[in-house]
ModelCIF file with pLDDT and N, C-alpha, C, O atoms, coordinates in Angstrom:
data_MODEL
#
_entry.id   MODEL 
#
_entity.id                         1 
_entity.type                       polymer 
_entity.pdbx_number_of_molecules   1 
#
_entity_poly.entity_id                      1 
_entity_poly.type                           'polypeptide(L)' 
_entity_poly.nstd_linkage                   no 
_entity_poly.nstd_monomer                   no 
_entity_poly.pdbx_seq_one_letter_code       VLVGAGLDAAAGAAVTDVLQEHVHDHHPGTELVTYRTGHRGDALLI 
_entity_poly.pdbx_seq_one_letter_code_can   VLVGAGLDAAAGAAVTDVLQEHVHDHHPGTELVTYRTGHRGDALLI 
_entity_poly.pdbx_strand_id                 A 
#
loop_
_entity_poly_seq.entity_id 
_entity_poly_seq.num 
_entity_poly_seq.mon_id 
_entity_poly_seq.hetero 
1 1  VAL n 
1 2  LEU n 
1 3  VAL n 
1 4  GLY n 
1 5  ALA n 
1 6  GLY n 
1 7  LEU n 
1 8  ASP n 
1 9  ALA n 
1 10 ALA n 
1 11 ALA n 
1 12 GLY n 
1 13 ALA n 
1 14 ALA n 
1 15 VAL n 
1 16 THR n 
1 17 ASP n 
1 18 VAL n 
1 19 LEU n 
1 20 GLN n 
1 21 GLU n 
1 22 HIS n 
1 23 VAL n 
1 24 HIS n 
1 25 ASP n 
1 26 HIS n 
1 27 HIS n 
1 28 PRO n 
1 29 GLY n 
1 30 THR n 
1 31 GLU n 
1 32 LEU n 
1 33 VAL n 
1 34 THR n 
1 35 TYR n 
1 36 ARG n 
1 37 THR n 
1 38 GLY n 
1 39 HIS n 
1 40 ARG n 
1 41 GLY n 
1 42 ASP n 
1 43 ALA n 
1 44 LEU n 
1 45 LEU n 
1 46 ILE n 
#
_struct_asym.id          A 
_struct_asym.entity_id   1 
#
loop_
_ma_qa_metric.id 
_ma_qa_metric.mode 
_ma_qa_metric.name 
_ma_qa_metric.software_group_id 
_ma_qa_metric.type 
1 global pLDDT . pLDDT 
2 local  pLDDT . pLDDT 
#
_ma_qa_metric_global.metric_id      1 
_ma_qa_metric_global.metric_value   91.09 
_ma_qa_metric_global.model_id       1 
_ma_qa_metric_global.ordinal_id     1 
#
loop_
_ma_qa_metric_local.label_asym_id 
_ma_qa_metric_local.label_comp_id 
_ma_qa_metric_local.label_seq_id 
_ma_qa_metric_local.metric_id 
_ma_qa_metric_local.metric_value 
_ma_qa_metric_local.model_id 
_ma_qa_metric_local.ordinal_id 
A VAL 1  2 93.00 1 1  
A LEU 2  2 93.00 1 2  
A VAL 3  2 93.00 1 3  
A GLY 4  2 91.00 1 4  
A ALA 5  2 89.00 1 5  
A GLY 6  2 89.00 1 6  
A LEU 7  2 90.00 1 7  
A ASP 8  2 90.00 1 8  
A ALA 9  2 90.00 1 9  
A ALA 10 2 91.00 1 10 
A ALA 11 2 90.00 1 11 
A GLY 12 2 88.00 1 12 
A ALA 13 2 92.00 1 13 
A ALA 14 2 92.00 1 14 
A VAL 15 2 92.00 1 15 
A THR 16 2 91.00 1 16 
A ASP 17 2 93.00 1 17 
A VAL 18 2 93.00 1 18 
A LEU 19 2 92.00 1 19 
A GLN 20 2 92.00 1 20 
A GLU 21 2 92.00 1 21 
A HIS 22 2 92.00 1 22 
A VAL 23 2 91.00 1 23 
A HIS 24 2 91.00 1 24 
A ASP 25 2 90.00 1 25 
A HIS 26 2 91.00 1 26 
A HIS 27 2 91.00 1 27 
A PRO 28 2 89.00 1 28 
A GLY 29 2 89.00 1 29 
A THR 30 2 88.00 1 30 
A GLU 31 2 92.00 1 31 
A LEU 32 2 92.00 1 32 
A VAL 33 2 92.00 1 33 
A THR 34 2 92.00 1 34 
A TYR 35 2 93.00 1 35 
A ARG 36 2 94.00 1 36 
A THR 37 2 92.00 1 37 
A GLY 38 2 91.00 1 38 
A HIS 39 2 91.00 1 39 
A ARG 40 2 89.00 1 40 
A GLY 41 2 87.00 1 41 
A ASP 42 2 90.00 1 42 
A ALA 43 2 91.00 1 43 
A LEU 44 2 92.00 1 44 
A LEU 45 2 92.00 1 45 
A ILE 46 2 92.00 1 46 
#
loop_
_atom_site.group_PDB 
_atom_site.id 
_atom_site.type_symbol 
_atom_site.label_atom_id 
_atom_site.label_alt_id 
_atom_site.label_comp_id 
_atom_site.label_asym_id 
_atom_site.label_entity_id 
_atom_site.label_seq_id 
_atom_site.pdbx_PDB_ins_code 
_atom_site.Cartn_x 
_atom_site.Cartn_y 
_atom_site.Cartn_z 
_atom_site.occupancy 
_atom_site.B_iso_or_equiv 
_atom_site.pdbx_formal_charge 
_atom_site.auth_seq_id 
_atom_site.auth_comp_id 
_atom_site.auth_asym_id 
_atom_site.auth_atom_id 
_atom_site.pdbx_PDB_model_num 
ATOM 1   N N  . VAL A 1 1  ? 0.400  -1.045  0.167  1.00 93.00 ? 1  VAL A N  1 
ATOM 2   C CA . VAL A 1 1  ? -0.235 -0.149  -0.273 1.00 93.00 ? 1  VAL A CA 1 
ATOM 3   C C  . VAL A 1 1  ? 1.187  0.803   -0.408 1.00 93.00 ? 1  VAL A C  1 
ATOM 4   O O  . VAL A 1 1  ? 2.323  0.615   0.026  1.00 93.00 ? 1  VAL A O  1 
ATOM 5   N N  . LEU A 1 2  ? 0.675  1.752   -1.098 1.00 93.00 ? 2  LEU A N  1 
ATOM 6   C CA . LEU A 1 2  ? 1.613  2.676   -1.070 1.00 93.00 ? 2  LEU A CA 1 
ATOM 7   C C  . LEU A 1 2  ? 1.063  4.240   -0.699 1.00 93.00 ? 2  LEU A C  1 
ATOM 8   O O  . LEU A 1 2  ? 1.100  4.745   -1.821 1.00 93.00 ? 2  LEU A O  1 
ATOM 9   N N  . VAL A 1 3  ? 0.570  5.317   0.224  1.00 93.00 ? 3  VAL A N  1 
ATOM 10  C CA . VAL A 1 3  ? -0.352 6.077   0.669  1.00 93.00 ? 3  VAL A CA 1 
ATOM 11  C C  . VAL A 1 3  ? 0.299  7.657   -0.037 1.00 93.00 ? 3  VAL A C  1 
ATOM 12  O O  . VAL A 1 3  ? 1.277  8.404   -0.049 1.00 93.00 ? 3  VAL A O  1 
ATOM 13  N N  . GLY A 1 4  ? -0.451 7.548   -0.327 1.00 91.00 ? 4  GLY A N  1 
ATOM 14  C CA . GLY A 1 4  ? -0.187 9.694   -1.375 1.00 91.00 ? 4  GLY A CA 1 
ATOM 15  C C  . GLY A 1 4  ? -0.709 10.700  -0.434 1.00 91.00 ? 4  GLY A C  1 
ATOM 16  O O  . GLY A 1 4  ? -1.455 10.652  0.545  1.00 91.00 ? 4  GLY A O  1 
ATOM 17  N N  . ALA A 1 5  ? 0.102  11.874  -1.222 1.00 89.00 ? 5  ALA A N  1 
ATOM 18  C CA . ALA A 1 5  ? 0.038  13.071  -0.291 1.00 89.00 ? 5  ALA A CA 1 
ATOM 19  C C  . ALA A 1 5  ? -1.467 13.829  0.035  1.00 89.00 ? 5  ALA A C  1 
ATOM 20  O O  . ALA A 1 5  ? -1.622 14.676  0.914  1.00 89.00 ? 5  ALA A O  1 
ATOM 21  N N  . GLY A 1 6  ? -2.409 13.384  -0.772 1.00 89.00 ? 6  GLY A N  1 
ATOM 22  C CA . GLY A 1 6  ? -3.710 13.584  -0.478 1.00 89.00 ? 6  GLY A CA 1 
ATOM 23  C C  . GLY A 1 6  ? -4.515 13.207  1.306  1.00 89.00 ? 6  GLY A C  1 
ATOM 24  O O  . GLY A 1 6  ? -5.549 13.600  1.847  1.00 89.00 ? 6  GLY A O  1 
ATOM 25  N N  . LEU A 1 7  ? -3.494 12.358  1.695  1.00 90.00 ? 7  LEU A N  1 
ATOM 26  C CA . LEU A 1 7  ? -3.574 11.573  3.146  1.00 90.00 ? 7  LEU A CA 1 
ATOM 27  C C  . LEU A 1 7  ? -2.474 11.982  3.870  1.00 90.00 ? 7  LEU A C  1 
ATOM 28  O O  . LEU A 1 7  ? -1.369 11.536  3.562  1.00 90.00 ? 7  LEU A O  1 
ATOM 29  N N  . ASP A 1 8  ? -2.640 13.022  5.096  1.00 90.00 ? 8  ASP A N  1 
ATOM 30  C CA . ASP A 1 8  ? -2.472 13.082  5.993  1.00 90.00 ? 8  ASP A CA 1 
ATOM 31  C C  . ASP A 1 8  ? -1.695 12.350  6.596  1.00 90.00 ? 8  ASP A C  1 
ATOM 32  O O  . ASP A 1 8  ? -1.945 11.224  6.166  1.00 90.00 ? 8  ASP A O  1 
ATOM 33  N N  . ALA A 1 9  ? -0.481 12.242  7.719  1.00 90.00 ? 9  ALA A N  1 
ATOM 34  C CA . ALA A 1 9  ? 0.449  12.203  8.602  1.00 90.00 ? 9  ALA A CA 1 
ATOM 35  C C  . ALA A 1 9  ? -0.516 10.870  9.108  1.00 90.00 ? 9  ALA A C  1 
ATOM 36  O O  . ALA A 1 9  ? -0.324 9.658   9.007  1.00 90.00 ? 9  ALA A O  1 
ATOM 37  N N  . ALA A 1 10 ? -2.134 12.015  9.957  1.00 91.00 ? 10 ALA A N  1 
ATOM 38  C CA . ALA A 1 10 ? -2.403 10.947  10.692 1.00 91.00 ? 10 ALA A CA 1 
ATOM 39  C C  . ALA A 1 10 ? -3.045 10.286  10.051 1.00 91.00 ? 10 ALA A C  1 
ATOM 40  O O  . ALA A 1 10 ? -3.121 9.071   10.230 1.00 91.00 ? 10 ALA A O  1 
ATOM 41  N N  . ALA A 1 11 ? -3.622 10.871  9.213  1.00 90.00 ? 11 ALA A N  1 
ATOM 42  C CA . ALA A 1 11 ? -4.804 10.263  8.361  1.00 90.00 ? 11 ALA A CA 1 
ATOM 43  C C  . ALA A 1 11 ? -4.452 8.927   7.641  1.00 90.00 ? 11 ALA A C  1 
ATOM 44  O O  . ALA A 1 11 ? -5.214 8.003   7.354  1.00 90.00 ? 11 ALA A O  1 
ATOM 45  N N  . GLY A 1 12 ? -2.924 9.066   7.390  1.00 88.00 ? 12 GLY A N  1 
ATOM 46  C CA . GLY A 1 12 ? -2.899 7.817   6.685  1.00 88.00 ? 12 GLY A CA 1 
ATOM 47  C C  . GLY A 1 12 ? -2.242 6.708   7.469  1.00 88.00 ? 12 GLY A C  1 
ATOM 48  O O  . GLY A 1 12 ? -1.799 5.631   7.071  1.00 88.00 ? 12 GLY A O  1 
ATOM 49  N N  . ALA A 1 13 ? -2.286 7.238   8.701  1.00 92.00 ? 13 ALA A N  1 
ATOM 50  C CA . ALA A 1 13 ? -1.684 6.636   9.937  1.00 92.00 ? 13 ALA A CA 1 
ATOM 51  C C  . ALA A 1 13 ? -2.398 5.049   10.091 1.00 92.00 ? 13 ALA A C  1 
ATOM 52  O O  . ALA A 1 13 ? -2.064 3.867   10.171 1.00 92.00 ? 13 ALA A O  1 
ATOM 53  N N  . ALA A 1 14 ? -3.844 6.085   10.068 1.00 92.00 ? 14 ALA A N  1 
ATOM 54  C CA . ALA A 1 14 ? -5.103 5.327   10.997 1.00 92.00 ? 14 ALA A CA 1 
ATOM 55  C C  . ALA A 1 14 ? -5.815 4.861   9.917  1.00 92.00 ? 14 ALA A C  1 
ATOM 56  O O  . ALA A 1 14 ? -6.821 4.187   10.136 1.00 92.00 ? 14 ALA A O  1 
ATOM 57  N N  . VAL A 1 15 ? -5.187 5.297   7.848  1.00 92.00 ? 15 VAL A N  1 
ATOM 58  C CA . VAL A 1 15 ? -5.767 3.701   6.883  1.00 92.00 ? 15 VAL A CA 1 
ATOM 59  C C  . VAL A 1 15 ? -5.148 2.476   7.158  1.00 92.00 ? 15 VAL A C  1 
ATOM 60  O O  . VAL A 1 15 ? -5.700 1.396   7.371  1.00 92.00 ? 15 VAL A O  1 
ATOM 61  N N  . THR A 1 16 ? -3.876 2.755   7.134  1.00 91.00 ? 16 THR A N  1 
ATOM 62  C CA . THR A 1 16 ? -2.963 1.576   6.760  1.00 91.00 ? 16 THR A CA 1 
ATOM 63  C C  . THR A 1 16 ? -3.216 0.397   8.426  1.00 91.00 ? 16 THR A C  1 
ATOM 64  O O  . THR A 1 16 ? -3.173 -0.811  8.658  1.00 91.00 ? 16 THR A O  1 
ATOM 65  N N  . ASP A 1 17 ? -3.484 1.729   9.259  1.00 93.00 ? 17 ASP A N  1 
ATOM 66  C CA . ASP A 1 17 ? -3.742 0.367   10.738 1.00 93.00 ? 17 ASP A CA 1 
ATOM 67  C C  . ASP A 1 17 ? -4.890 -0.419  10.867 1.00 93.00 ? 17 ASP A C  1 
ATOM 68  O O  . ASP A 1 17 ? -5.044 -1.463  11.502 1.00 93.00 ? 17 ASP A O  1 
ATOM 69  N N  . VAL A 1 18 ? -6.136 0.587   9.783  1.00 93.00 ? 18 VAL A N  1 
ATOM 70  C CA . VAL A 1 18 ? -7.348 -0.529  9.602  1.00 93.00 ? 18 VAL A CA 1 
ATOM 71  C C  . VAL A 1 18 ? -7.324 -1.921  8.651  1.00 93.00 ? 18 VAL A C  1 
ATOM 72  O O  . VAL A 1 18 ? -8.046 -2.917  8.616  1.00 93.00 ? 18 VAL A O  1 
ATOM 73  N N  . LEU A 1 19 ? -6.445 -1.603  8.093  1.00 92.00 ? 19 LEU A N  1 
ATOM 74  C CA . LEU A 1 19 ? -6.420 -1.645  6.600  1.00 92.00 ? 19 LEU A CA 1 
ATOM 75  C C  . LEU A 1 19 ? -5.337 -3.525  7.122  1.00 92.00 ? 19 LEU A C  1 
ATOM 76  O O  . LEU A 1 19 ? -5.493 -4.655  6.659  1.00 92.00 ? 19 LEU A O  1 
ATOM 77  N N  . GLN A 1 20 ? -4.408 -3.039  8.149  1.00 92.00 ? 20 GLN A N  1 
ATOM 78  C CA . GLN A 1 20 ? -3.701 -4.782  8.534  1.00 92.00 ? 20 GLN A CA 1 
ATOM 79  C C  . GLN A 1 20 ? -4.194 -4.956  8.744  1.00 92.00 ? 20 GLN A C  1 
ATOM 80  O O  . GLN A 1 20 ? -4.524 -6.085  8.380  1.00 92.00 ? 20 GLN A O  1 
ATOM 81  N N  . GLU A 1 21 ? -5.385 -4.039  9.916  1.00 92.00 ? 21 GLU A N  1 
ATOM 82  C CA . GLU A 1 21 ? -6.250 -5.330  11.340 1.00 92.00 ? 21 GLU A CA 1 
ATOM 83  C C  . GLU A 1 21 ? -7.306 -5.532  10.193 1.00 92.00 ? 21 GLU A C  1 
ATOM 84  O O  . GLU A 1 21 ? -8.250 -6.134  10.704 1.00 92.00 ? 21 GLU A O  1 
ATOM 85  N N  . HIS A 1 22 ? -7.531 -5.313  8.988  1.00 92.00 ? 22 HIS A N  1 
ATOM 86  C CA . HIS A 1 22 ? -8.768 -6.321  8.602  1.00 92.00 ? 22 HIS A CA 1 
ATOM 87  C C  . HIS A 1 22 ? -8.102 -7.730  7.491  1.00 92.00 ? 22 HIS A C  1 
ATOM 88  O O  . HIS A 1 22 ? -8.718 -8.794  7.435  1.00 92.00 ? 22 HIS A O  1 
ATOM 89  N N  . VAL A 1 23 ? -6.749 -7.490  6.652  1.00 91.00 ? 23 VAL A N  1 
ATOM 90  C CA . VAL A 1 23 ? -5.673 -8.442  6.010  1.00 91.00 ? 23 VAL A CA 1 
ATOM 91  C C  . VAL A 1 23 ? -5.418 -9.923  7.300  1.00 91.00 ? 23 VAL A C  1 
ATOM 92  O O  . VAL A 1 23 ? -5.470 -11.109 6.976  1.00 91.00 ? 23 VAL A O  1 
ATOM 93  N N  . HIS A 1 24 ? -5.120 -9.340  8.906  1.00 91.00 ? 24 HIS A N  1 
ATOM 94  C CA . HIS A 1 24 ? -4.590 -9.525  9.169  1.00 91.00 ? 24 HIS A CA 1 
ATOM 95  C C  . HIS A 1 24 ? -6.020 -10.774 9.792  1.00 91.00 ? 24 HIS A C  1 
ATOM 96  O O  . HIS A 1 24 ? -5.719 -11.964 9.890  1.00 91.00 ? 24 HIS A O  1 
ATOM 97  N N  . ASP A 1 25 ? -7.323 -10.357 10.116 1.00 90.00 ? 25 ASP A N  1 
ATOM 98  C CA . ASP A 1 25 ? -8.362 -10.379 10.654 1.00 90.00 ? 25 ASP A CA 1 
ATOM 99  C C  . ASP A 1 25 ? -8.583 -11.899 8.927  1.00 90.00 ? 25 ASP A C  1 
ATOM 100 O O  . ASP A 1 25 ? -8.428 -13.090 9.199  1.00 90.00 ? 25 ASP A O  1 
ATOM 101 N N  . HIS A 1 26 ? -8.866 -11.533 7.674  1.00 91.00 ? 26 HIS A N  1 
ATOM 102 C CA . HIS A 1 26 ? -9.878 -11.843 7.123  1.00 91.00 ? 26 HIS A CA 1 
ATOM 103 C C  . HIS A 1 26 ? -9.218 -12.575 6.112  1.00 91.00 ? 26 HIS A C  1 
ATOM 104 O O  . HIS A 1 26 ? -9.741 -13.309 5.273  1.00 91.00 ? 26 HIS A O  1 
ATOM 105 N N  . HIS A 1 27 ? -7.431 -12.182 6.341  1.00 91.00 ? 27 HIS A N  1 
ATOM 106 C CA . HIS A 1 27 ? -6.996 -12.791 4.797  1.00 91.00 ? 27 HIS A CA 1 
ATOM 107 C C  . HIS A 1 27 ? -4.996 -12.762 5.546  1.00 91.00 ? 27 HIS A C  1 
ATOM 108 O O  . HIS A 1 27 ? -4.079 -11.949 5.431  1.00 91.00 ? 27 HIS A O  1 
ATOM 109 N N  . PRO A 1 28 ? -5.198 -14.674 6.565  1.00 89.00 ? 28 PRO A N  1 
ATOM 110 C CA . PRO A 1 28 ? -4.665 -14.950 7.452  1.00 89.00 ? 28 PRO A CA 1 
ATOM 111 C C  . PRO A 1 28 ? -3.829 -15.828 6.452  1.00 89.00 ? 28 PRO A C  1 
ATOM 112 O O  . PRO A 1 28 ? -4.297 -16.694 5.714  1.00 89.00 ? 28 PRO A O  1 
ATOM 113 N N  . GLY A 1 29 ? -1.946 -15.295 6.599  1.00 89.00 ? 29 GLY A N  1 
ATOM 114 C CA . GLY A 1 29 ? -0.874 -15.328 5.799  1.00 89.00 ? 29 GLY A CA 1 
ATOM 115 C C  . GLY A 1 29 ? -0.973 -14.561 4.535  1.00 89.00 ? 29 GLY A C  1 
ATOM 116 O O  . GLY A 1 29 ? -0.833 -15.311 3.569  1.00 89.00 ? 29 GLY A O  1 
ATOM 117 N N  . THR A 1 30 ? -1.155 -13.398 4.232  1.00 88.00 ? 30 THR A N  1 
ATOM 118 C CA . THR A 1 30 ? -0.931 -12.151 3.828  1.00 88.00 ? 30 THR A CA 1 
ATOM 119 C C  . THR A 1 30 ? -0.383 -11.935 4.953  1.00 88.00 ? 30 THR A C  1 
ATOM 120 O O  . THR A 1 30 ? -0.613 -12.407 6.067  1.00 88.00 ? 30 THR A O  1 
ATOM 121 N N  . GLU A 1 31 ? 0.880  -10.662 4.336  1.00 92.00 ? 31 GLU A N  1 
ATOM 122 C CA . GLU A 1 31 ? 1.609  -10.097 4.179  1.00 92.00 ? 31 GLU A CA 1 
ATOM 123 C C  . GLU A 1 31 ? 1.197  -8.593  3.830  1.00 92.00 ? 31 GLU A C  1 
ATOM 124 O O  . GLU A 1 31 ? 0.724  -8.335  2.724  1.00 92.00 ? 31 GLU A O  1 
ATOM 125 N N  . LEU A 1 32 ? 1.371  -7.690  4.721  1.00 92.00 ? 32 LEU A N  1 
ATOM 126 C CA . LEU A 1 32 ? 1.098  -6.194  4.180  1.00 92.00 ? 32 LEU A CA 1 
ATOM 127 C C  . LEU A 1 32 ? 2.275  -5.739  5.048  1.00 92.00 ? 32 LEU A C  1 
ATOM 128 O O  . LEU A 1 32 ? 2.764  -6.155  6.099  1.00 92.00 ? 32 LEU A O  1 
ATOM 129 N N  . VAL A 1 33 ? 2.614  -4.469  4.003  1.00 92.00 ? 33 VAL A N  1 
ATOM 130 C CA . VAL A 1 33 ? 3.375  -3.460  4.439  1.00 92.00 ? 33 VAL A CA 1 
ATOM 131 C C  . VAL A 1 33 ? 3.321  -2.304  4.327  1.00 92.00 ? 33 VAL A C  1 
ATOM 132 O O  . VAL A 1 33 ? 4.012  -2.759  3.415  1.00 92.00 ? 33 VAL A O  1 
ATOM 133 N N  . THR A 1 34 ? 3.185  -0.702  4.260  1.00 92.00 ? 34 THR A N  1 
ATOM 134 C CA . THR A 1 34 ? 2.652  0.087   3.740  1.00 92.00 ? 34 THR A CA 1 
ATOM 135 C C  . THR A 1 34 ? 4.026  0.980   3.885  1.00 92.00 ? 34 THR A C  1 
ATOM 136 O O  . THR A 1 34 ? 4.694  0.804   4.904  1.00 92.00 ? 34 THR A O  1 
ATOM 137 N N  . TYR A 1 35 ? 4.565  2.124   2.705  1.00 93.00 ? 35 TYR A N  1 
ATOM 138 C CA . TYR A 1 35 ? 5.229  2.839   2.093  1.00 93.00 ? 35 TYR A CA 1 
ATOM 139 C C  . TYR A 1 35 ? 4.442  4.735   2.830  1.00 93.00 ? 35 TYR A C  1 
ATOM 140 O O  . TYR A 1 35 ? 3.528  4.366   3.567  1.00 93.00 ? 35 TYR A O  1 
ATOM 141 N N  . ARG A 1 36 ? 4.466  5.723   2.855  1.00 94.00 ? 36 ARG A N  1 
ATOM 142 C CA . ARG A 1 36 ? 4.250  7.112   2.245  1.00 94.00 ? 36 ARG A CA 1 
ATOM 143 C C  . ARG A 1 36 ? 4.943  7.359   1.211  1.00 94.00 ? 36 ARG A C  1 
ATOM 144 O O  . ARG A 1 36 ? 6.116  7.719   1.304  1.00 94.00 ? 36 ARG A O  1 
ATOM 145 N N  . THR A 1 37 ? 4.479  7.241   0.347  1.00 92.00 ? 37 THR A N  1 
ATOM 146 C CA . THR A 1 37 ? 5.354  7.974   -0.947 1.00 92.00 ? 37 THR A CA 1 
ATOM 147 C C  . THR A 1 37 ? 5.161  9.226   -1.519 1.00 92.00 ? 37 THR A C  1 
ATOM 148 O O  . THR A 1 37 ? 5.916  10.067  -2.006 1.00 92.00 ? 37 THR A O  1 
ATOM 149 N N  . GLY A 1 38 ? 3.879  9.135   -1.328 1.00 91.00 ? 38 GLY A N  1 
ATOM 150 C CA . GLY A 1 38 ? 3.834  11.255  -0.898 1.00 91.00 ? 38 GLY A CA 1 
ATOM 151 C C  . GLY A 1 38 ? 3.837  12.034  -2.397 1.00 91.00 ? 38 GLY A C  1 
ATOM 152 O O  . GLY A 1 38 ? 4.441  12.996  -2.872 1.00 91.00 ? 38 GLY A O  1 
ATOM 153 N N  . HIS A 1 39 ? 2.154  10.441  -3.185 1.00 91.00 ? 39 HIS A N  1 
ATOM 154 C CA . HIS A 1 39 ? 2.919  10.897  -4.438 1.00 91.00 ? 39 HIS A CA 1 
ATOM 155 C C  . HIS A 1 39 ? 0.859  11.836  -5.093 1.00 91.00 ? 39 HIS A C  1 
ATOM 156 O O  . HIS A 1 39 ? 0.021  11.942  -4.197 1.00 91.00 ? 39 HIS A O  1 
ATOM 157 N N  . ARG A 1 40 ? 0.660  12.088  -5.833 1.00 89.00 ? 40 ARG A N  1 
ATOM 158 C CA . ARG A 1 40 ? -1.249 13.015  -5.682 1.00 89.00 ? 40 ARG A CA 1 
ATOM 159 C C  . ARG A 1 40 ? -1.183 12.519  -6.641 1.00 89.00 ? 40 ARG A C  1 
ATOM 160 O O  . ARG A 1 40 ? -0.391 11.762  -7.201 1.00 89.00 ? 40 ARG A O  1 
ATOM 161 N N  . GLY A 1 41 ? -2.540 13.209  -6.961 1.00 87.00 ? 41 GLY A N  1 
ATOM 162 C CA . GLY A 1 41 ? -3.963 12.676  -7.258 1.00 87.00 ? 41 GLY A CA 1 
ATOM 163 C C  . GLY A 1 41 ? -4.927 10.610  -5.830 1.00 87.00 ? 41 GLY A C  1 
ATOM 164 O O  . GLY A 1 41 ? -5.775 10.555  -4.939 1.00 87.00 ? 41 GLY A O  1 
ATOM 165 N N  . ASP A 1 42 ? -3.814 9.264   -6.705 1.00 90.00 ? 42 ASP A N  1 
ATOM 166 C CA . ASP A 1 42 ? -4.433 8.667   -5.675 1.00 90.00 ? 42 ASP A CA 1 
ATOM 167 C C  . ASP A 1 42 ? -4.372 8.296   -4.741 1.00 90.00 ? 42 ASP A C  1 
ATOM 168 O O  . ASP A 1 42 ? -3.358 7.846   -4.208 1.00 90.00 ? 42 ASP A O  1 
ATOM 169 N N  . ALA A 1 43 ? -6.475 8.463   -3.844 1.00 91.00 ? 43 ALA A N  1 
ATOM 170 C CA . ALA A 1 43 ? -5.252 8.621   -2.013 1.00 91.00 ? 43 ALA A CA 1 
ATOM 171 C C  . ALA A 1 43 ? -4.576 7.436   -2.168 1.00 91.00 ? 43 ALA A C  1 
ATOM 172 O O  . ALA A 1 43 ? -3.395 7.750   -2.015 1.00 91.00 ? 43 ALA A O  1 
ATOM 173 N N  . LEU A 1 44 ? -4.669 5.636   -2.496 1.00 92.00 ? 44 LEU A N  1 
ATOM 174 C CA . LEU A 1 44 ? -3.507 4.933   -2.171 1.00 92.00 ? 44 LEU A CA 1 
ATOM 175 C C  . LEU A 1 44 ? -3.848 4.374   -3.230 1.00 92.00 ? 44 LEU A C  1 
ATOM 176 O O  . LEU A 1 44 ? -4.753 4.599   -4.034 1.00 92.00 ? 44 LEU A O  1 
ATOM 177 N N  . LEU A 1 45 ? -2.680 3.273   -3.146 1.00 92.00 ? 45 LEU A N  1 
ATOM 178 C CA . LEU A 1 45 ? -2.509 2.442   -4.210 1.00 92.00 ? 45 LEU A CA 1 
ATOM 179 C C  . LEU A 1 45 ? -2.004 1.366   -4.265 1.00 92.00 ? 45 LEU A C  1 
ATOM 180 O O  . LEU A 1 45 ? -1.053 1.209   -3.500 1.00 92.00 ? 45 LEU A O  1 
ATOM 181 N N  . ILE A 1 46 ? -2.206 0.752   -4.728 1.00 92.00 ? 46 ILE A N  1 
ATOM 182 C CA . ILE A 1 46 ? -2.264 -0.809  -3.747 1.00 92.00 ? 46 ILE A CA 1 
ATOM 183 C C  . ILE A 1 46 ? -1.986 -2.385  -4.675 1.00 92.00 ? 46 ILE A C  1 
ATOM 184 O O  . ILE A 1 46 ? -2.011 -3.463  -4.082 1.00 92.00 ? 46 ILE A O  1 
#
């Protein structure tokens, strides 16, 4: 998950925390990594 400039640090962290928990609970065995890339346009690239 690449976090864009449209989400500030707090909002980006909140979104990725929820996604981390969702993957843990609903897709066991799948690893999730996130990077704050600061790209513009899309809020997230997945």
